[in-house]
Amino acid sequence: MEFTIRAANVDDCKDIARMITELAEYEKVIDHVKVTQRDLEQDGFSKNPFFHGIVAEVPEQHKTKEGHTKVGYALYCFFYSSWRGRAVFMEDLYVMPEFRGKGIGKALMSKVAQLGLAAGCQQLNFTVLDWNKPSLDFYFSQGCADVTAEMGYHYMCCKGEALEHLAQP
């Protein structure tokens, strides 16, 4: 199937917001999504963006029955590893179900890896749900390792009232 991978722009935020919702529904965490299209526009396309994105787009003749040509996306940001130096974190990798198995997910992930290497990154990090066997199998097939299993690290989060409490001097 013919598709292109390109840098996301502010006009893609509506479709990215749609796909974020689709991903959250698949992961059974829709109630956790608080980000809006406007948040994406401000946070990803301001003078100092908090994230970067790429989209997968198919030609009009392959559009979805709802009329969508943007069928996948990846969001990523750069960070610093105290052990390895520059690194890239892939927050989301999503391909609409009817377009899976056509190389789009691999192309999106490969592009994030290329962008990371071009920026001098030494590693690509991301998370995946422990029950998501198709995604785990895909990531393992790409040569990725599960650091939770190998090194015993757990990805931690502090949010909401806990974050507010933690920020108190």
C-alpha atoms as a PDB file:
ATOM      1  CA  MET A   1       0.000   0.000   0.000  1.00  0.00           C
ATOM      2  CA  GLU A   2       1.181   3.470  -0.863  1.00  0.00           C
ATOM      3  CA  PHE A   3       1.704   5.898   2.058  1.00  0.00           C
ATOM      4  CA  THR A   4       3.958   8.766   3.081  1.00  0.00           C
ATOM      5  CA  ILE A   5       5.542   9.644   6.400  1.00  0.00           C
ATOM      6  CA  ARG A   6       6.074  13.341   7.031  1.00  0.00           C
ATOM      7  CA  ALA A   7       6.575  15.851   9.811  1.00  0.00           C
ATOM      8  CA  ALA A   8       3.316  16.827  11.453  1.00  0.00           C
ATOM      9  CA  ASN A   9       2.137  20.415  11.180  1.00  0.00           C
ATOM     10  CA  VAL A  10      -0.466  22.428  13.057  1.00  0.00           C
ATOM     11  CA  ASP A  11      -3.138  21.488  10.505  1.00  0.00           C
ATOM     12  CA  ASP A  12      -2.688  17.820  11.474  1.00  0.00           C
ATOM     13  CA  CYS A  13      -3.700  18.385  15.108  1.00  0.00           C
ATOM     14  CA  LYS A  14      -7.363  17.571  14.497  1.00  0.00           C
ATOM     15  CA  ASP A  15      -6.416  14.163  13.089  1.00  0.00           C
ATOM     16  CA  ILE A  16      -3.784  13.547  15.753  1.00  0.00           C
ATOM     17  CA  ALA A  17      -6.371  14.328  18.463  1.00  0.00           C
ATOM     18  CA  ARG A  18      -8.772  11.879  16.772  1.00  0.00           C
ATOM     19  CA  MET A  19      -6.130   9.141  16.698  1.00  0.00           C
ATOM     20  CA  ILE A  20      -5.093   9.818  20.317  1.00  0.00           C
ATOM     21  CA  THR A  21      -8.707   9.117  21.258  1.00  0.00           C
ATOM     22  CA  GLU A  22      -8.724   5.944  19.133  1.00  0.00           C
ATOM     23  CA  LEU A  23      -5.496   4.754  20.799  1.00  0.00           C
ATOM     24  CA  ALA A  24      -6.866   5.478  24.275  1.00  0.00           C
ATOM     25  CA  GLU A  25     -10.047   3.547  23.454  1.00  0.00           C
ATOM     26  CA  TYR A  26      -7.958   0.579  22.280  1.00  0.00           C
ATOM     27  CA  GLU A  27      -5.848   0.736  25.446  1.00  0.00           C
ATOM     28  CA  LYS A  28      -9.035   1.010  27.554  1.00  0.00           C
ATOM     29  CA  VAL A  29      -7.946   4.322  29.148  1.00  0.00           C
ATOM     30  CA  ILE A  30     -10.165   6.844  27.345  1.00  0.00           C
ATOM     31  CA  ASP A  31     -10.996   8.567  30.655  1.00  0.00           C
ATOM     32  CA  HIS A  32      -7.320   9.514  31.026  1.00  0.00           C
ATOM     33  CA  VAL A  33      -7.201  11.653  27.869  1.00  0.00           C
ATOM     34  CA  LYS A  34      -7.255  15.344  28.762  1.00  0.00           C
ATOM     35  CA  VAL A  35      -5.322  16.780  25.790  1.00  0.00           C
ATOM     36  CA  THR A  36      -7.353  18.720  23.243  1.00  0.00           C
ATOM     37  CA  GLN A  37      -6.680  19.725  19.661  1.00  0.00           C
ATOM     38  CA  ARG A  38      -5.880  23.211  20.949  1.00  0.00           C
ATOM     39  CA  ASP A  39      -3.354  21.793  23.459  1.00  0.00           C
ATOM     40  CA  LEU A  40      -1.648  19.927  20.630  1.00  0.00           C
ATOM     41  CA  GLU A  41      -1.509  23.075  18.511  1.00  0.00           C
ATOM     42  CA  GLN A  42       0.020  25.125  21.341  1.00  0.00           C
ATOM     43  CA  ASP A  43       2.320  22.471  22.796  1.00  0.00           C
ATOM     44  CA  GLY A  44       3.647  21.070  19.541  1.00  0.00           C
ATOM     45  CA  PHE A  45       3.838  24.074  17.272  1.00  0.00           C
ATOM     46  CA  SER A  46       4.890  27.011  19.443  1.00  0.00           C
ATOM     47  CA  LYS A  47       8.320  28.662  19.507  1.00  0.00           C
ATOM     48  CA  ASN A  48       9.560  26.069  22.034  1.00  0.00           C
ATOM     49  CA  PRO A  49       7.543  22.910  21.370  1.00  0.00           C
ATOM     50  CA  PHE A  50       7.105  20.276  24.078  1.00  0.00           C
ATOM     51  CA  PHE A  51       6.826  17.503  21.505  1.00  0.00           C
ATOM     52  CA  HIS A  52       7.385  16.695  17.845  1.00  0.00           C
ATOM     53  CA  GLY A  53       5.242  14.543  15.627  1.00  0.00           C
ATOM     54  CA  ILE A  54       5.092  12.679  12.370  1.00  0.00           C
ATOM     55  CA  VAL A  55       2.066  11.412  10.492  1.00  0.00           C
ATOM     56  CA  ALA A  56       1.370   8.602   8.067  1.00  0.00           C
ATOM     57  CA  GLU A  57      -0.822   9.635   5.177  1.00  0.00           C
ATOM     58  CA  VAL A  58      -2.413   7.598   2.402  1.00  0.00           C
ATOM     59  CA  PRO A  59      -3.579   8.895  -0.987  1.00  0.00           C
ATOM     60  CA  GLU A  60      -7.239   9.837  -1.454  1.00  0.00           C
ATOM     61  CA  GLN A  61      -8.039   6.527  -3.159  1.00  0.00           C
ATOM     62  CA  HIS A  62      -7.099   4.683   0.075  1.00  0.00           C
ATOM     63  CA  LYS A  63      -8.887   7.011   2.507  1.00  0.00           C
ATOM     64  CA  THR A  64     -11.040   5.515   5.262  1.00  0.00           C
ATOM     65  CA  LYS A  65     -14.807   5.193   4.916  1.00  0.00           C
ATOM     66  CA  GLU A  66     -15.010   8.289   7.162  1.00  0.00           C
ATOM     67  CA  GLY A  67     -12.786  10.178   4.693  1.00  0.00           C
ATOM     68  CA  HIS A  68      -9.515  10.213   6.675  1.00  0.00           C
ATOM     69  CA  THR A  69      -6.198  10.161   4.831  1.00  0.00           C
ATOM     70  CA  LYS A  70      -4.069  10.534   7.975  1.00  0.00           C
ATOM     71  CA  VAL A  71      -3.976   6.978   9.282  1.00  0.00           C
ATOM     72  CA  GLY A  72      -1.115   6.896  11.792  1.00  0.00           C
ATOM     73  CA  TYR A  73       1.130   9.075  13.887  1.00  0.00           C
ATOM     74  CA  ALA A  74       4.024   9.100  16.312  1.00  0.00           C
ATOM     75  CA  LEU A  75       4.744  11.735  18.956  1.00  0.00           C
ATOM     76  CA  TYR A  76       8.230  12.053  20.395  1.00  0.00           C
ATOM     77  CA  CYS A  77      10.461  14.352  22.430  1.00  0.00           C
ATOM     78  CA  PHE A  78      14.136  14.556  23.222  1.00  0.00           C
ATOM     79  CA  PHE A  79      15.575  14.011  26.684  1.00  0.00           C
ATOM     80  CA  TYR A  80      18.910  13.313  28.318  1.00  0.00           C
ATOM     81  CA  SER A  81      20.026   9.990  29.747  1.00  0.00           C
ATOM     82  CA  SER A  82      22.608  10.319  32.498  1.00  0.00           C
ATOM     83  CA  TRP A  83      24.124   7.026  31.293  1.00  0.00           C
ATOM     84  CA  ARG A  84      23.930   7.307  27.509  1.00  0.00           C
ATOM     85  CA  GLY A  85      23.559  11.019  26.736  1.00  0.00           C
ATOM     86  CA  ARG A  86      21.069  12.276  24.173  1.00  0.00           C
ATOM     87  CA  ALA A  87      17.953  10.166  23.768  1.00  0.00           C
ATOM     88  CA  VAL A  88      14.532  10.260  22.167  1.00  0.00           C
ATOM     89  CA  PHE A  89      11.288   9.206  23.854  1.00  0.00           C
ATOM     90  CA  MET A  90       8.440   8.014  21.647  1.00  0.00           C
ATOM     91  CA  GLU A  91       5.231   8.857  23.508  1.00  0.00           C
ATOM     92  CA  ASP A  92       2.822   7.336  20.995  1.00  0.00           C
ATOM     93  CA  LEU A  93       2.988   5.103  17.953  1.00  0.00           C
ATOM     94  CA  TYR A  94      -0.410   4.452  16.420  1.00  0.00           C
ATOM     95  CA  VAL A  95      -1.783   3.085  13.166  1.00  0.00           C
ATOM     96  CA  MET A  96      -5.512   2.781  12.552  1.00  0.00           C
ATOM     97  CA  PRO A  97      -6.532  -0.911  12.747  1.00  0.00           C
ATOM     98  CA  GLU A  98      -7.500  -1.262   9.082  1.00  0.00           C
ATOM     99  CA  PHE A  99      -4.022  -0.056   8.029  1.00  0.00           C
ATOM    100  CA  ARG A 100      -1.964  -2.310  10.309  1.00  0.00           C
ATOM    101  CA  GLY A 101       0.285  -4.956   8.806  1.00  0.00           C
ATOM    102  CA  LYS A 102       1.166  -2.767   5.812  1.00  0.00           C
ATOM    103  CA  GLY A 103       4.521  -1.415   7.073  1.00  0.00           C
ATOM    104  CA  ILE A 104       3.165   1.911   8.343  1.00  0.00           C
ATOM    105  CA  GLY A 105       4.014   1.300  12.015  1.00  0.00           C
ATOM    106  CA  LYS A 106       7.535   0.170  11.099  1.00  0.00           C
ATOM    107  CA  ALA A 107       7.964   3.237   8.879  1.00  0.00           C
ATOM    108  CA  LEU A 108       6.792   5.589  11.659  1.00  0.00           C
ATOM    109  CA  MET A 109       9.081   3.999  14.246  1.00  0.00           C
ATOM    110  CA  SER A 110      11.976   3.942  11.791  1.00  0.00           C
ATOM    111  CA  LYS A 111      11.492   7.661  11.127  1.00  0.00           C
ATOM    112  CA  VAL A 112      11.565   8.452  14.867  1.00  0.00           C
ATOM    113  CA  ALA A 113      14.785   6.408  15.107  1.00  0.00           C
ATOM    114  CA  GLN A 114      16.266   8.295  12.121  1.00  0.00           C
ATOM    115  CA  LEU A 115      15.370  11.659  13.644  1.00  0.00           C
ATOM    116  CA  GLY A 116      16.873  10.588  16.962  1.00  0.00           C
ATOM    117  CA  LEU A 117      20.122   9.449  15.352  1.00  0.00           C
ATOM    118  CA  ALA A 118      20.299  12.679  13.331  1.00  0.00           C
ATOM    119  CA  ALA A 119      20.035  14.604  16.632  1.00  0.00           C
ATOM    120  CA  GLY A 120      22.875  12.558  18.152  1.00  0.00           C
ATOM    121  CA  CYS A 121      20.655  10.306  20.275  1.00  0.00           C
ATOM    122  CA  GLN A 122      22.034   7.055  21.621  1.00  0.00           C
ATOM    123  CA  GLN A 123      18.726   5.385  22.450  1.00  0.00           C
ATOM    124  CA  LEU A 124      14.991   5.324  21.740  1.00  0.00           C
ATOM    125  CA  ASN A 125      12.703   4.769  24.730  1.00  0.00           C
ATOM    126  CA  PHE A 126       8.956   4.139  24.870  1.00  0.00           C
ATOM    127  CA  THR A 127       6.378   2.267  26.907  1.00  0.00           C
ATOM    128  CA  VAL A 128       3.954  -0.488  25.943  1.00  0.00           C
ATOM    129  CA  LEU A 129       1.150  -2.067  27.950  1.00  0.00           C
ATOM    130  CA  ASP A 130       2.011  -5.498  29.325  1.00  0.00           C
ATOM    131  CA  TRP A 131      -1.180  -7.052  27.857  1.00  0.00           C
ATOM    132  CA  ASN A 132      -0.610  -5.669  24.348  1.00  0.00           C
ATOM    133  CA  LYS A 133       0.983  -8.793  22.851  1.00  0.00           C
ATOM    134  CA  PRO A 134       0.741  -7.673  19.194  1.00  0.00           C
ATOM    135  CA  SER A 135       2.676  -4.488  20.010  1.00  0.00           C
ATOM    136  CA  LEU A 136       5.179  -6.310  22.230  1.00  0.00           C
ATOM    137  CA  ASP A 137       5.802  -8.834  19.455  1.00  0.00           C
ATOM    138  CA  PHE A 138       6.235  -6.007  16.950  1.00  0.00           C
ATOM    139  CA  TYR A 139       8.742  -4.140  19.154  1.00  0.00           C
ATOM    140  CA  PHE A 140      10.715  -7.306  19.908  1.00  0.00           C
ATOM    141  CA  SER A 141      10.843  -8.031  16.165  1.00  0.00           C
ATOM    142  CA  GLN A 142      12.454  -4.611  15.695  1.00  0.00           C
ATOM    143  CA  GLY A 143      15.260  -5.506  18.122  1.00  0.00           C
ATOM    144  CA  CYS A 144      13.861  -3.613  21.115  1.00  0.00           C
ATOM    145  CA  ALA A 145      14.411  -4.856  24.673  1.00  0.00           C
ATOM    146  CA  ASP A 146      12.138  -4.838  27.719  1.00  0.00           C
ATOM    147  CA  VAL A 147      14.196  -3.009  30.369  1.00  0.00           C
ATOM    148  CA  THR A 148      11.607  -3.837  33.033  1.00  0.00           C
ATOM    149  CA  ALA A 149      12.367  -7.526  32.529  1.00  0.00           C
ATOM    150  CA  GLU A 150      16.105  -7.103  31.881  1.00  0.00           C
ATOM    151  CA  MET A 151      17.042  -4.440  34.433  1.00  0.00           C
ATOM    152  CA  GLY A 152      14.079  -4.274  36.800  1.00  0.00           C
ATOM    153  CA  TYR A 153      13.218  -0.627  36.154  1.00  0.00           C
ATOM    154  CA  HIS A 154       9.662   0.574  36.518  1.00  0.00           C
ATOM    155  CA  TYR A 155       8.311   3.633  34.727  1.00  0.00           C
ATOM    156  CA  MET A 156       6.896   5.890  37.462  1.00  0.00           C
ATOM    157  CA  CYS A 157       4.454   8.798  37.365  1.00  0.00           C
ATOM    158  CA  CYS A 158       3.416  11.510  39.818  1.00  0.00           C
ATOM    159  CA  LYS A 159       0.348  13.541  38.793  1.00  0.00           C
ATOM    160  CA  GLY A 160      -2.644  15.502  40.035  1.00  0.00           C
ATOM    161  CA  GLU A 161      -2.834  16.089  43.780  1.00  0.00           C
ATOM    162  CA  ALA A 162       0.293  13.983  44.367  1.00  0.00           C
ATOM    163  CA  LEU A 163       2.251  16.258  42.021  1.00  0.00           C
ATOM    164  CA  GLU A 164       0.843  19.386  43.699  1.00  0.00           C
ATOM    165  CA  HIS A 165       1.804  17.963  47.120  1.00  0.00           C
ATOM    166  CA  LEU A 166       5.275  17.010  45.930  1.00  0.00           C
ATOM    167  CA  ALA A 167       5.849  20.552  44.614  1.00  0.00           C
ATOM    168  CA  GLN A 168       5.236  22.081  48.055  1.00  0.00           C
ATOM    169  CA  PRO A 169       8.499  23.185  49.741  1.00  0.00           C
END
